[in-house]
Each structure stands twice: as C-alpha cells, then as structure tokens.
Amino acid sequence: MNITLKQLTVFTTTARLNGITKAAQELSMTQSAASQSLKELENILGYPLFTRHGRKLVINAHGQVLLSKATQMLVLQDQIQQPITTELQGELKVAASVTIGSYVMPQLLAKFIAIHPQVEPKLFISNSEQVTEKLLAGQAHIGLIEAPLSHKSLSLSPWRNDQLVVFCAKDNVLAKQKKLTLTEMSQQRWILREHGSGTRAVFINAMQQLGGTINHSMDLARQEAIKQTVKANLGLGVLSLLSIQEELTLGIFKRLETPLNLNRQLSIIESEHYCHDPLVSAFHTFLNEK
C-alpha cells in the first residue's frame, strides 16, 4: 500500500495542532476519518508517529523525522498546483519573537505585500523559544528571533542590531541617577519577560558576565504588562528600545544607564523544509534589504 498525500496532510496538521480533533476540524473531515487516515499511515510505516497523552497527541522521534520529509512533499505539491506565473503567490507564514513581531514585522509585511499582492501573509508572535519550535515543527516558513540559537536542523543568519534598555517610572527614586552600579541593580526588583524570551536571555547573560545577580523579579509574558507594572513603580524593566521609545519621549519612563552591554543581534532562522522555496527566498532577500 502506498502513502497518500491525504495521509501526509492529516499527519502534518495533527503534528501542528497536537490533536486529531482539531486537525479533523481544520481539514473539514470527521474525526473518525482523520484517525483512520493517521492509523493507516502508521500501519504502512510500521511504527507510531505520536505519543498519546490523554486526548493530546505529541509527535515522537519517528514523527519528527517524517515531518521534515512530509512537509517538503506537501510544499512541492502546492507549488505544482500553482498557476504558471512569474508573480510570487501563496501563503507566507512568518513566526516572530514579540519585539520583532509587534514593532517591526507588521510594517515590513505591508511593504512586501504591496510589492507582491498575491501573497497571503500569516504572522505568529511568540517568544524566541516558541518561534524555534514552530520552525522545527514545520508550522512556519521563516522565523525572526532575538535570542542566540544553536540547532542542527535550523540555519541562522544575522539580520539587524537592537538595543535593550533598563528603565523605571518617572517618579522612581532612581530616575535622577546618572548610572546604576551592579550592586544597586542586584538590590532592585526586576520586571522581566518570561523564560524562553530572547530579551530575558540577553539581560540575564549580560548581568552574569559582570558578576551581577537578580535577587528579586516578577516574570511576565506580555510587554504591555511589563510597561504597566513598571509604570506602577513595582520595579525596573528591561525591554527593547523599539518597544518603549514612545514612552521615553513622552516622559512616562526614564532610561537608566548601566554598566551592562545590552546590544543584541536580531536573526533570521530557517529550516531545511522551506529554504529553497521561491517565496521564502524572496522574503529573506527582502528582509536583508531593509
């Protein structure tokens, strides 16, 4: 019995959504039909592709190996079905970490679509760790992250520079200081991004390099929540200059100088699934020109 494209579609969709019920709904199939298709694929291969945790299906090591190949086959199918034209078209799935996704990517996608109006953009915003996971799972065509990356299945290329800023509320007692010392920084309560965030990783690494410590912190997943918490004078914040430039200009926040090196490299990441796709290649080139 031969493997069908339908079976591969059910498999990749299940992997992306971590469940057969959601996959069936997205593919407009009954759950029993989707389950049967996945079961037939596993029977042909002779091994399971998922580990079952209650109702949740988590892709296993065999599934991860197949996912790369299945994604490539489905991409080729989609390309074959596209009308012959010199115009770029199709769906472009971009995964970006929070700062990039919130303050940079919307404008860049708008410019790209203005040049290539037949492209349909999809933007997923999450932290750098989750962006990486989406690339590995074949759930995004290209990613942009703020944290250092090392993974054999993903390629990383430098994109542009960014700078993190330590800041406080305008009425904070530290607002009039010219520069914080490491000792003073270790005594503060910090309002930080969650684990897996590139912003957090860069800040913690910069502190550790100079022997500083974080003794008190609140961890929040949303930049707006961090801003509001700092504004309420519950601690010091660390975010990209891109995300607090307006508040600094309006005098809502005060930028604090520190001995830390908070410059960082924003990067483009790609998987082998889509690196030769014409649309993805064109978008990569576009990004490097901006």
C-alpha atoms as a PDB file:
ATOM      1  CA  MET A   1       0.000   0.000   0.000  1.00  0.00           C
ATOM      2  CA  ASN A   2       1.358   3.440  -0.940  1.00  0.00           C
ATOM      3  CA  ILE A   3       1.396   6.506   1.255  1.00  0.00           C
ATOM      4  CA  THR A   4      -1.025   9.186   0.063  1.00  0.00           C
ATOM      5  CA  LEU A   5      -0.775  12.960   0.196  1.00  0.00           C
ATOM      6  CA  LYS A   6      -4.014  12.960   2.161  1.00  0.00           C
ATOM      7  CA  GLN A   7      -2.395  10.843   4.875  1.00  0.00           C
ATOM      8  CA  LEU A   8       0.601  13.160   4.998  1.00  0.00           C
ATOM      9  CA  THR A   9      -1.710  16.179   5.250  1.00  0.00           C
ATOM     10  CA  VAL A  10      -3.549  14.638   8.193  1.00  0.00           C
ATOM     11  CA  PHE A  11      -0.222  13.775   9.816  1.00  0.00           C
ATOM     12  CA  THR A  12       1.349  17.243   9.453  1.00  0.00           C
ATOM     13  CA  THR A  13      -1.838  19.001  10.561  1.00  0.00           C
ATOM     14  CA  THR A  14      -2.118  16.747  13.622  1.00  0.00           C
ATOM     15  CA  ALA A  15       1.517  17.493  14.458  1.00  0.00           C
ATOM     16  CA  ARG A  16       0.930  21.228  14.171  1.00  0.00           C
ATOM     17  CA  LEU A  17      -2.236  21.236  16.294  1.00  0.00           C
ATOM     18  CA  ASN A  18      -1.241  18.458  18.725  1.00  0.00           C
ATOM     19  CA  GLY A  19      -4.548  16.687  18.303  1.00  0.00           C
ATOM     20  CA  ILE A  20      -6.623  14.718  15.828  1.00  0.00           C
ATOM     21  CA  THR A  21      -9.895  16.520  16.671  1.00  0.00           C
ATOM     22  CA  LYS A  22      -8.508  19.957  15.796  1.00  0.00           C
ATOM     23  CA  ALA A  23      -6.823  18.534  12.698  1.00  0.00           C
ATOM     24  CA  ALA A  24     -10.089  16.998  11.500  1.00  0.00           C
ATOM     25  CA  GLN A  25     -11.915  20.295  12.018  1.00  0.00           C
ATOM     26  CA  GLU A  26      -9.301  22.267  10.069  1.00  0.00           C
ATOM     27  CA  LEU A  27      -9.341  19.735   7.221  1.00  0.00           C
ATOM     28  CA  SER A  28     -13.168  19.515   7.175  1.00  0.00           C
ATOM     29  CA  MET A  29     -13.063  15.777   7.941  1.00  0.00           C
ATOM     30  CA  THR A  30     -14.823  13.693  10.540  1.00  0.00           C
ATOM     31  CA  GLN A  31     -12.659  12.725  13.487  1.00  0.00           C
ATOM     32  CA  SER A  32     -13.044   9.049  12.657  1.00  0.00           C
ATOM     33  CA  ALA A  33     -11.879   9.616   9.064  1.00  0.00           C
ATOM     34  CA  ALA A  34      -8.851  11.595  10.221  1.00  0.00           C
ATOM     35  CA  SER A  35      -7.999   8.971  12.847  1.00  0.00           C
ATOM     36  CA  GLN A  36      -8.309   6.215  10.262  1.00  0.00           C
ATOM     37  CA  SER A  37      -6.037   8.077   7.847  1.00  0.00           C
ATOM     38  CA  LEU A  38      -3.377   8.532  10.536  1.00  0.00           C
ATOM     39  CA  LYS A  39      -3.686   4.891  11.615  1.00  0.00           C
ATOM     40  CA  GLU A  40      -3.254   3.708   8.018  1.00  0.00           C
ATOM     41  CA  LEU A  41      -0.092   5.811   7.685  1.00  0.00           C
ATOM     42  CA  GLU A  42       1.365   4.354  10.891  1.00  0.00           C
ATOM     43  CA  ASN A  43       0.483   0.829   9.730  1.00  0.00           C
ATOM     44  CA  ILE A  44       2.246   1.376   6.392  1.00  0.00           C
ATOM     45  CA  LEU A  45       5.338   2.711   8.138  1.00  0.00           C
ATOM     46  CA  GLY A  46       5.291   0.069  10.849  1.00  0.00           C
ATOM     47  CA  TYR A  47       5.736   2.440  13.788  1.00  0.00           C
ATOM     48  CA  PRO A  48       3.743   5.068  15.716  1.00  0.00           C
ATOM     49  CA  LEU A  49       4.263   8.757  14.964  1.00  0.00           C
ATOM     50  CA  PHE A  50       2.804  10.205  18.147  1.00  0.00           C
ATOM     51  CA  THR A  51       2.850   9.612  21.876  1.00  0.00           C
ATOM     52  CA  ARG A  52      -0.639   9.821  23.271  1.00  0.00           C
ATOM     53  CA  HIS A  53      -1.206  11.797  26.479  1.00  0.00           C
ATOM     54  CA  GLY A  54      -4.931  11.581  27.125  1.00  0.00           C
ATOM     55  CA  ARG A  55      -6.582  13.425  24.233  1.00  0.00           C
ATOM     56  CA  LYS A  56      -3.355  15.154  23.259  1.00  0.00           C
ATOM     57  CA  LEU A  57      -1.047  13.742  20.591  1.00  0.00           C
ATOM     58  CA  VAL A  58       2.635  14.674  20.924  1.00  0.00           C
ATOM     59  CA  ILE A  59       4.873  13.918  17.964  1.00  0.00           C
ATOM     60  CA  ASN A  60       7.647  11.427  18.776  1.00  0.00           C
ATOM     61  CA  ALA A  61      11.171  10.997  17.361  1.00  0.00           C
ATOM     62  CA  HIS A  62       9.931   8.916  14.378  1.00  0.00           C
ATOM     63  CA  GLY A  63       7.307  11.553  13.673  1.00  0.00           C
ATOM     64  CA  GLN A  64       9.863  14.359  13.744  1.00  0.00           C
ATOM     65  CA  VAL A  65      11.956  12.606  11.101  1.00  0.00           C
ATOM     66  CA  LEU A  66       8.912  12.067   8.884  1.00  0.00           C
ATOM     67  CA  LEU A  67       7.615  15.617   9.444  1.00  0.00           C
ATOM     68  CA  SER A  68      10.550  17.159   7.595  1.00  0.00           C
ATOM     69  CA  LYS A  69      10.066  14.919   4.555  1.00  0.00           C
ATOM     70  CA  ALA A  70       6.270  15.156   4.586  1.00  0.00           C
ATOM     71  CA  THR A  71       6.402  18.944   4.739  1.00  0.00           C
ATOM     72  CA  GLN A  72       8.728  19.066   1.739  1.00  0.00           C
ATOM     73  CA  MET A  73       6.400  16.813  -0.263  1.00  0.00           C
ATOM     74  CA  LEU A  74       3.349  18.935   0.544  1.00  0.00           C
ATOM     75  CA  VAL A  75       5.234  22.119  -0.332  1.00  0.00           C
ATOM     76  CA  LEU A  76       6.129  20.604  -3.701  1.00  0.00           C
ATOM     77  CA  GLN A  77       2.503  19.604  -4.236  1.00  0.00           C
ATOM     78  CA  ASP A  78       1.389  23.161  -3.513  1.00  0.00           C
ATOM     79  CA  GLN A  79       3.979  24.557  -5.928  1.00  0.00           C
ATOM     80  CA  ILE A  80       2.906  22.170  -8.692  1.00  0.00           C
ATOM     81  CA  GLN A  81      -0.726  23.227  -8.279  1.00  0.00           C
ATOM     82  CA  GLN A  82       0.094  26.939  -8.507  1.00  0.00           C
ATOM     83  CA  PRO A  83      -0.618  28.551 -11.901  1.00  0.00           C
ATOM     84  CA  ILE A  84       2.467  29.099 -14.027  1.00  0.00           C
ATOM     85  CA  THR A  85       3.375  32.728 -13.458  1.00  0.00           C
ATOM     86  CA  THR A  86       6.357  34.900 -12.663  1.00  0.00           C
ATOM     87  CA  GLU A  87       4.415  36.517  -9.817  1.00  0.00           C
ATOM     88  CA  LEU A  88       5.062  35.343  -6.271  1.00  0.00           C
ATOM     89  CA  GLN A  89       1.933  33.947  -4.672  1.00  0.00           C
ATOM     90  CA  GLY A  90       0.703  31.665  -1.929  1.00  0.00           C
ATOM     91  CA  GLU A  91       0.692  31.696   1.863  1.00  0.00           C
ATOM     92  CA  LEU A  92       3.699  33.077   3.748  1.00  0.00           C
ATOM     93  CA  LYS A  93       3.849  32.029   7.398  1.00  0.00           C
ATOM     94  CA  VAL A  94       6.189  34.190   9.446  1.00  0.00           C
ATOM     95  CA  ALA A  95       6.933  33.446  13.103  1.00  0.00           C
ATOM     96  CA  ALA A  96       8.490  36.335  15.019  1.00  0.00           C
ATOM     97  CA  SER A  97       9.504  36.928  18.611  1.00  0.00           C
ATOM     98  CA  VAL A  98       7.478  39.500  20.495  1.00  0.00           C
ATOM     99  CA  THR A  99       9.519  42.663  19.909  1.00  0.00           C
ATOM    100  CA  ILE A 100      10.050  41.967  16.220  1.00  0.00           C
ATOM    101  CA  GLY A 101       6.502  40.761  15.677  1.00  0.00           C
ATOM    102  CA  SER A 102       4.936  43.739  17.451  1.00  0.00           C
ATOM    103  CA  TYR A 103       7.105  46.657  16.349  1.00  0.00           C
ATOM    104  CA  VAL A 104       8.892  45.706  13.135  1.00  0.00           C
ATOM    105  CA  MET A 105       7.236  42.915  11.173  1.00  0.00           C
ATOM    106  CA  PRO A 106       3.764  44.428  10.510  1.00  0.00           C
ATOM    107  CA  GLN A 107       5.287  47.318   8.558  1.00  0.00           C
ATOM    108  CA  LEU A 108       7.691  45.057   6.672  1.00  0.00           C
ATOM    109  CA  LEU A 109       4.946  42.604   5.724  1.00  0.00           C
ATOM    110  CA  ALA A 110       2.812  45.501   4.470  1.00  0.00           C
ATOM    111  CA  LYS A 111       5.662  46.664   2.215  1.00  0.00           C
ATOM    112  CA  PHE A 112       6.283  43.124   0.950  1.00  0.00           C
ATOM    113  CA  ILE A 113       2.604  42.579   0.143  1.00  0.00           C
ATOM    114  CA  ALA A 114       2.481  45.912  -1.664  1.00  0.00           C
ATOM    115  CA  ILE A 115       5.182  44.541  -3.990  1.00  0.00           C
ATOM    116  CA  HIS A 116       3.674  41.031  -4.196  1.00  0.00           C
ATOM    117  CA  PRO A 117      -0.113  41.435  -3.762  1.00  0.00           C
ATOM    118  CA  GLN A 118      -0.863  37.763  -4.491  1.00  0.00           C
ATOM    119  CA  VAL A 119       0.976  36.637  -1.346  1.00  0.00           C
ATOM    120  CA  GLU A 120      -1.181  35.909   1.715  1.00  0.00           C
ATOM    121  CA  PRO A 121       0.747  36.743   4.937  1.00  0.00           C
ATOM    122  CA  LYS A 122       0.317  34.973   8.273  1.00  0.00           C
ATOM    123  CA  LEU A 123       2.134  36.334  11.335  1.00  0.00           C
ATOM    124  CA  PHE A 124       2.628  34.298  14.508  1.00  0.00           C
ATOM    125  CA  ILE A 125       4.028  36.167  17.531  1.00  0.00           C
ATOM    126  CA  SER A 126       5.577  34.327  20.489  1.00  0.00           C
ATOM    127  CA  ASN A 127       8.869  34.215  22.356  1.00  0.00           C
ATOM    128  CA  SER A 128      12.118  33.140  20.678  1.00  0.00           C
ATOM    129  CA  GLU A 129      11.959  29.599  22.043  1.00  0.00           C
ATOM    130  CA  GLN A 130       8.429  29.090  20.714  1.00  0.00           C
ATOM    131  CA  VAL A 131       9.373  30.567  17.327  1.00  0.00           C
ATOM    132  CA  THR A 132      12.122  27.965  17.101  1.00  0.00           C
ATOM    133  CA  GLU A 133       9.640  25.217  17.941  1.00  0.00           C
ATOM    134  CA  LYS A 134       7.316  26.389  15.151  1.00  0.00           C
ATOM    135  CA  LEU A 135      10.148  26.222  12.619  1.00  0.00           C
ATOM    136  CA  LEU A 136      11.127  22.727  13.764  1.00  0.00           C
ATOM    137  CA  ALA A 137       7.514  21.545  13.527  1.00  0.00           C
ATOM    138  CA  GLY A 138       7.100  22.937  10.010  1.00  0.00           C
ATOM    139  CA  GLN A 139       4.429  25.346  11.237  1.00  0.00           C
ATOM    140  CA  ALA A 140       6.162  28.466   9.873  1.00  0.00           C
ATOM    141  CA  HIS A 141       8.131  29.165   6.709  1.00  0.00           C
ATOM    142  CA  ILE A 142      10.617  31.603   8.236  1.00  0.00           C
ATOM    143  CA  GLY A 143      11.333  32.956  11.709  1.00  0.00           C
ATOM    144  CA  LEU A 144      12.838  36.036  13.321  1.00  0.00           C
ATOM    145  CA  ILE A 145      14.230  35.862  16.839  1.00  0.00           C
ATOM    146  CA  GLU A 146      16.041  37.910  19.469  1.00  0.00           C
ATOM    147  CA  ALA A 147      17.922  35.138  21.285  1.00  0.00           C
ATOM    148  CA  PRO A 148      21.071  33.201  20.309  1.00  0.00           C
ATOM    149  CA  LEU A 149      20.287  29.885  18.641  1.00  0.00           C
ATOM    150  CA  SER A 150      22.093  26.622  18.071  1.00  0.00           C
ATOM    151  CA  HIS A 151      20.202  23.791  16.383  1.00  0.00           C
ATOM    152  CA  LYS A 152      21.435  21.420  13.706  1.00  0.00           C
ATOM    153  CA  SER A 153      18.126  21.480  11.820  1.00  0.00           C
ATOM    154  CA  LEU A 154      17.893  25.263  11.620  1.00  0.00           C
ATOM    155  CA  SER A 155      20.087  27.829   9.932  1.00  0.00           C
ATOM    156  CA  LEU A 156      20.617  31.252  11.450  1.00  0.00           C
ATOM    157  CA  SER A 157      21.714  34.438   9.710  1.00  0.00           C
ATOM    158  CA  PRO A 158      22.268  37.899  11.272  1.00  0.00           C
ATOM    159  CA  TRP A 159      19.621  40.449  10.390  1.00  0.00           C
ATOM    160  CA  ARG A 160      19.850  43.746  12.270  1.00  0.00           C
ATOM    161  CA  ASN A 161      21.027  45.150  15.593  1.00  0.00           C
ATOM    162  CA  ASP A 162      18.830  46.064  18.536  1.00  0.00           C
ATOM    163  CA  GLN A 163      19.402  47.545  21.980  1.00  0.00           C
ATOM    164  CA  LEU A 164      17.773  46.700  25.276  1.00  0.00           C
ATOM    165  CA  VAL A 165      17.035  49.495  27.728  1.00  0.00           C
ATOM    166  CA  VAL A 166      16.787  49.441  31.522  1.00  0.00           C
ATOM    167  CA  PHE A 167      14.015  51.823  32.571  1.00  0.00           C
ATOM    168  CA  CYS A 168      11.901  52.946  35.505  1.00  0.00           C
ATOM    169  CA  ALA A 169       8.815  55.024  36.226  1.00  0.00           C
ATOM    170  CA  LYS A 170       9.361  58.788  36.036  1.00  0.00           C
ATOM    171  CA  ASP A 171       8.766  59.156  39.803  1.00  0.00           C
ATOM    172  CA  ASN A 172      11.028  56.255  40.821  1.00  0.00           C
ATOM    173  CA  VAL A 173      13.751  57.250  43.319  1.00  0.00           C
ATOM    174  CA  LEU A 174      16.385  56.076  40.796  1.00  0.00           C
ATOM    175  CA  ALA A 175      15.091  58.277  37.974  1.00  0.00           C
ATOM    176  CA  LYS A 176      17.529  61.099  38.758  1.00  0.00           C
ATOM    177  CA  GLN A 177      20.607  58.887  38.936  1.00  0.00           C
ATOM    178  CA  LYS A 178      23.091  59.105  36.086  1.00  0.00           C
ATOM    179  CA  LYS A 179      24.161  55.447  36.194  1.00  0.00           C
ATOM    180  CA  LEU A 180      23.302  52.342  38.222  1.00  0.00           C
ATOM    181  CA  THR A 181      26.023  50.178  39.726  1.00  0.00           C
ATOM    182  CA  LEU A 182      25.914  46.369  39.725  1.00  0.00           C
ATOM    183  CA  THR A 183      25.359  46.441  43.485  1.00  0.00           C
ATOM    184  CA  GLU A 184      22.366  48.739  43.094  1.00  0.00           C
ATOM    185  CA  MET A 185      20.993  46.594  40.261  1.00  0.00           C
ATOM    186  CA  SER A 186      21.207  43.441  42.378  1.00  0.00           C
ATOM    187  CA  GLN A 187      19.140  45.147  45.079  1.00  0.00           C
ATOM    188  CA  GLN A 188      16.242  46.038  42.761  1.00  0.00           C
ATOM    189  CA  ARG A 189      13.059  44.196  41.930  1.00  0.00           C
ATOM    190  CA  TRP A 190      13.029  43.469  38.193  1.00  0.00           C
ATOM    191  CA  ILE A 191      10.018  43.134  35.930  1.00  0.00           C
ATOM    192  CA  LEU A 192      11.229  40.682  33.302  1.00  0.00           C
ATOM    193  CA  ARG A 193       9.986  38.697  30.325  1.00  0.00           C
ATOM    194  CA  GLU A 194       9.259  35.011  30.838  1.00  0.00           C
ATOM    195  CA  HIS A 195      11.741  32.130  30.427  1.00  0.00           C
ATOM    196  CA  GLY A 196      12.254  31.399  26.721  1.00  0.00           C
ATOM    197  CA  SER A 197      12.282  35.099  25.860  1.00  0.00           C
ATOM    198  CA  GLY A 198      15.274  36.450  23.950  1.00  0.00           C
ATOM    199  CA  THR A 199      15.031  39.739  25.849  1.00  0.00           C
ATOM    200  CA  ARG A 200      15.318  37.937  29.167  1.00  0.00           C
ATOM    201  CA  ALA A 201      18.190  35.731  27.973  1.00  0.00           C
ATOM    202  CA  VAL A 202      20.283  38.698  26.795  1.00  0.00           C
ATOM    203  CA  PHE A 203      19.737  40.630  30.039  1.00  0.00           C
ATOM    204  CA  ILE A 204      20.483  37.700  32.351  1.00  0.00           C
ATOM    205  CA  ASN A 205      23.608  36.827  30.360  1.00  0.00           C
ATOM    206  CA  ALA A 206      24.841  40.452  30.489  1.00  0.00           C
ATOM    207  CA  MET A 207      24.369  40.516  34.271  1.00  0.00           C
ATOM    208  CA  GLN A 208      26.164  37.199  34.756  1.00  0.00           C
ATOM    209  CA  GLN A 209      29.112  38.274  32.629  1.00  0.00           C
ATOM    210  CA  LEU A 210      29.829  41.105  35.061  1.00  0.00           C
ATOM    211  CA  GLY A 211      29.085  39.029  38.164  1.00  0.00           C
ATOM    212  CA  GLY A 212      25.716  40.612  38.874  1.00  0.00           C
ATOM    213  CA  THR A 213      22.717  38.734  40.285  1.00  0.00           C
ATOM    214  CA  ILE A 214      18.940  39.027  40.061  1.00  0.00           C
ATOM    215  CA  ASN A 215      17.576  38.512  43.561  1.00  0.00           C
ATOM    216  CA  HIS A 216      14.002  39.750  43.125  1.00  0.00           C
ATOM    217  CA  SER A 217      11.906  39.551  39.959  1.00  0.00           C
ATOM    218  CA  MET A 218       8.428  39.290  38.512  1.00  0.00           C
ATOM    219  CA  ASP A 219       8.160  37.369  35.245  1.00  0.00           C
ATOM    220  CA  LEU A 220       5.517  38.492  32.754  1.00  0.00           C
ATOM    221  CA  ALA A 221       4.801  37.219  29.244  1.00  0.00           C
ATOM    222  CA  ARG A 222       3.410  40.460  27.798  1.00  0.00           C
ATOM    223  CA  GLN A 223       5.371  43.633  27.081  1.00  0.00           C
ATOM    224  CA  GLU A 224       2.345  45.795  27.876  1.00  0.00           C
ATOM    225  CA  ALA A 225       2.035  44.087  31.272  1.00  0.00           C
ATOM    226  CA  ILE A 226       5.706  44.857  31.957  1.00  0.00           C
ATOM    227  CA  LYS A 227       5.190  48.503  30.994  1.00  0.00           C
ATOM    228  CA  GLN A 228       2.155  48.891  33.241  1.00  0.00           C
ATOM    229  CA  THR A 229       3.910  47.177  36.159  1.00  0.00           C
ATOM    230  CA  VAL A 230       6.958  49.435  35.850  1.00  0.00           C
ATOM    231  CA  LYS A 231       4.656  52.455  35.485  1.00  0.00           C
ATOM    232  CA  ALA A 232       3.050  51.432  38.800  1.00  0.00           C
ATOM    233  CA  ASN A 233       6.556  51.619  40.322  1.00  0.00           C
ATOM    234  CA  LEU A 234       6.776  47.933  41.252  1.00  0.00           C
ATOM    235  CA  GLY A 235      10.284  47.580  39.847  1.00  0.00           C
ATOM    236  CA  LEU A 236      12.697  48.195  36.989  1.00  0.00           C
ATOM    237  CA  GLY A 237      12.062  46.932  33.480  1.00  0.00           C
ATOM    238  CA  VAL A 238      14.200  45.740  30.596  1.00  0.00           C
ATOM    239  CA  LEU A 239      12.778  45.911  27.073  1.00  0.00           C
ATOM    240  CA  SER A 240      13.893  46.768  23.568  1.00  0.00           C
ATOM    241  CA  LEU A 241      14.249  50.457  22.782  1.00  0.00           C
ATOM    242  CA  LEU A 242      11.822  49.751  19.921  1.00  0.00           C
ATOM    243  CA  SER A 243       9.052  48.962  22.385  1.00  0.00           C
ATOM    244  CA  ILE A 244       9.408  51.894  24.820  1.00  0.00           C
ATOM    245  CA  GLN A 245      10.628  54.713  22.568  1.00  0.00           C
ATOM    246  CA  GLU A 246       7.261  56.482  22.693  1.00  0.00           C
ATOM    247  CA  GLU A 247       7.033  56.334  26.484  1.00  0.00           C
ATOM    248  CA  LEU A 248      10.581  57.652  26.844  1.00  0.00           C
ATOM    249  CA  THR A 249       9.789  60.550  24.502  1.00  0.00           C
ATOM    250  CA  LEU A 250       6.627  61.386  26.475  1.00  0.00           C
ATOM    251  CA  GLY A 251       8.499  61.222  29.775  1.00  0.00           C
ATOM    252  CA  ILE A 252       6.449  58.327  31.150  1.00  0.00           C
ATOM    253  CA  PHE A 253       9.599  56.251  31.659  1.00  0.00           C
ATOM    254  CA  LYS A 254      13.165  57.221  32.487  1.00  0.00           C
ATOM    255  CA  ARG A 255      16.032  55.393  30.810  1.00  0.00           C
ATOM    256  CA  LEU A 256      18.690  54.220  33.274  1.00  0.00           C
ATOM    257  CA  GLU A 257      22.336  53.842  32.281  1.00  0.00           C
ATOM    258  CA  THR A 258      24.096  50.674  33.454  1.00  0.00           C
ATOM    259  CA  PRO A 259      27.497  49.006  33.036  1.00  0.00           C
ATOM    260  CA  LEU A 260      25.865  46.213  31.011  1.00  0.00           C
ATOM    261  CA  ASN A 261      26.341  45.542  27.312  1.00  0.00           C
ATOM    262  CA  LEU A 262      22.726  45.252  26.179  1.00  0.00           C
ATOM    263  CA  ASN A 263      23.278  45.341  22.435  1.00  0.00           C
ATOM    264  CA  ARG A 264      21.932  42.272  20.666  1.00  0.00           C
ATOM    265  CA  GLN A 265      21.663  40.701  17.246  1.00  0.00           C
ATOM    266  CA  LEU A 266      18.250  40.018  15.738  1.00  0.00           C
ATOM    267  CA  SER A 267      18.382  36.992  13.457  1.00  0.00           C
ATOM    268  CA  ILE A 268      16.532  35.185  10.697  1.00  0.00           C
ATOM    269  CA  ILE A 269      16.078  31.451  11.164  1.00  0.00           C
ATOM    270  CA  GLU A 270      15.025  28.921   8.543  1.00  0.00           C
ATOM    271  CA  SER A 271      14.529  25.179   8.383  1.00  0.00           C
ATOM    272  CA  GLU A 272      15.533  22.853   5.607  1.00  0.00           C
ATOM    273  CA  HIS A 273      11.814  22.402   4.863  1.00  0.00           C
ATOM    274  CA  TYR A 274      11.446  25.744   3.117  1.00  0.00           C
ATOM    275  CA  CYS A 275      14.927  27.157   2.476  1.00  0.00           C
ATOM    276  CA  HIS A 276      14.622  26.589  -1.305  1.00  0.00           C
ATOM    277  CA  ASP A 277      11.016  27.762  -1.614  1.00  0.00           C
ATOM    278  CA  PRO A 278      10.922  30.750  -4.049  1.00  0.00           C
ATOM    279  CA  LEU A 279       8.524  32.749  -1.867  1.00  0.00           C
ATOM    280  CA  VAL A 280      10.542  32.210   1.295  1.00  0.00           C
ATOM    281  CA  SER A 281      13.787  33.008  -0.526  1.00  0.00           C
ATOM    282  CA  ALA A 282      12.289  36.223  -1.897  1.00  0.00           C
ATOM    283  CA  PHE A 283      11.107  37.280   1.567  1.00  0.00           C
ATOM    284  CA  HIS A 284      14.526  36.510   3.063  1.00  0.00           C
ATOM    285  CA  THR A 285      16.166  38.704   0.415  1.00  0.00           C
ATOM    286  CA  PHE A 286      13.601  41.436   1.066  1.00  0.00           C
ATOM    287  CA  LEU A 287      14.350  41.372   4.807  1.00  0.00           C
ATOM    288  CA  ASN A 288      18.085  41.709   4.228  1.00  0.00           C
ATOM    289  CA  GLU A 289      17.494  44.780   2.075  1.00  0.00           C
ATOM    290  CA  LYS A 290      15.545  46.552   4.831  1.00  0.00           C
END
